[in-house]
Protein backbone atom coordinates (compact mmCIF):
# COMPACT_ATOMS: atom_id res chain seq x y z
CA MET A 1 17.98 92.36 39.61
CA ASP A 2 17.97 95.95 38.50
CA SER A 3 17.36 97.47 35.30
CA ASP A 4 20.95 97.32 34.40
CA SER A 5 21.40 93.51 34.93
CA MET A 6 21.55 91.21 32.06
CA GLN A 7 21.30 87.39 31.38
CA LYS A 8 22.76 85.48 28.63
CA LYS A 9 22.76 81.64 28.19
CA VAL A 10 25.93 80.53 26.66
CA SER A 11 26.19 76.76 25.47
CA ILE A 12 29.74 74.95 25.53
CA SER A 13 30.14 71.53 24.36
CA GLY A 14 26.30 70.96 25.28
CA MET A 15 26.33 72.38 28.69
CA SER A 16 24.97 75.83 29.47
CA PHE A 17 25.82 78.55 31.77
CA LEU A 18 23.76 81.28 32.67
CA GLN A 19 25.88 84.54 32.50
CA GLU A 20 24.22 86.88 34.88
CA LYS A 21 25.76 90.23 34.16
CA VAL A 22 25.36 93.91 35.73
CA SER A 23 26.33 96.88 34.00
CA ILE A 24 28.41 99.28 35.91
CA MET A 25 29.29 102.68 34.17
CA GLY A 26 28.25 100.98 30.70
CA VAL A 27 30.68 97.99 31.27
CA PRO A 28 28.97 94.62 31.89
CA PHE A 29 30.43 92.66 34.62
CA TYR A 30 29.80 88.81 35.72
CA ALA A 31 27.36 89.05 38.61
CA GLY A 32 26.42 85.01 39.19
CA SER A 33 27.88 82.70 41.79
CA LEU A 34 31.77 81.84 41.93
CA GLU A 35 31.06 78.15 42.07
CA ALA A 36 29.09 78.50 38.70
CA LEU A 37 31.86 80.47 37.08
CA VAL A 38 34.66 77.96 38.15
CA HIS A 39 32.81 75.15 36.62
CA HIS A 40 32.41 77.14 33.51
CA LEU A 41 35.73 77.99 33.30
CA ILE A 42 36.73 74.58 33.62
CA ASP A 43 34.57 73.36 31.19
CA LEU A 44 35.53 75.96 28.54
CA ALA A 45 39.43 75.31 29.03
CA GLN A 46 38.52 71.56 28.54
CA SER A 47 36.28 71.74 25.52
CA GLU A 48 37.16 74.86 23.29
CA LYS A 49 40.57 75.54 21.81
CA ASN A 50 39.34 79.19 21.09
CA ASN A 51 40.83 81.91 23.18
CA ARG A 52 38.55 84.20 25.41
CA CYS A 53 39.13 87.64 26.71
CA ILE A 54 38.67 87.64 30.70
CA HIS A 55 39.11 90.50 32.25
CA PRO A 56 39.76 91.24 36.09
CA ALA A 57 38.60 94.80 36.90
CA ASP A 58 38.82 97.53 39.53
CA ALA A 59 37.58 100.95 40.11
CA HIS A 60 40.67 102.16 38.53
CA VAL A 61 39.86 100.29 35.20
CA LEU A 62 36.43 101.89 35.36
CA VAL A 63 37.85 104.98 35.55
CA HIS A 64 40.04 104.47 32.68
CA ALA A 65 37.39 103.18 30.60
CA ASP A 66 35.22 106.27 31.11
CA LYS A 67 38.00 108.19 29.82
CA ASP A 68 39.00 106.20 26.93
CA ALA A 69 36.22 105.05 24.71
CA SER A 70 38.32 102.34 22.83
CA TYR A 71 39.14 100.83 25.76
CA LYS A 72 35.64 100.88 27.07
CA ASN A 73 34.69 99.26 23.96
CA LEU A 74 37.28 96.53 24.65
CA LEU A 75 35.83 95.56 27.84
CA GLN A 76 32.23 95.70 26.60
CA ASN A 77 33.16 93.28 23.85
CA SER A 78 35.13 90.87 26.21
CA TYR A 79 33.99 87.33 26.99
CA LEU A 80 33.74 88.05 30.82
CA ASN A 81 34.76 90.89 33.12
CA LEU A 82 35.37 89.80 36.67
CA SER A 83 34.95 92.41 39.61
CA ASP A 84 38.61 92.80 41.35
CA GLY A 85 38.11 94.28 44.78
CA MET A 86 35.35 95.35 47.01
CA PRO A 87 34.19 98.65 45.49
CA ILE A 88 32.79 96.85 42.41
């Protein structure tokens, strides 16, 4: 992974999920496998009562975040940003 890559281990009800992330224009995106993501989201839905903010984001979202610091901050602090489209 390149220098903009990040990894964070999250534990949900005794299970761990390695969140592999890559930063694009200062916004962290999930970069792990689809299979791991699906299992994690199912576990999360079954084990927690807390809400989590998950954003599907495309190139338009990144352009908007680049122009609006408060929106970029929202994306930077969300639980997961998922790439929505081939350009990302």
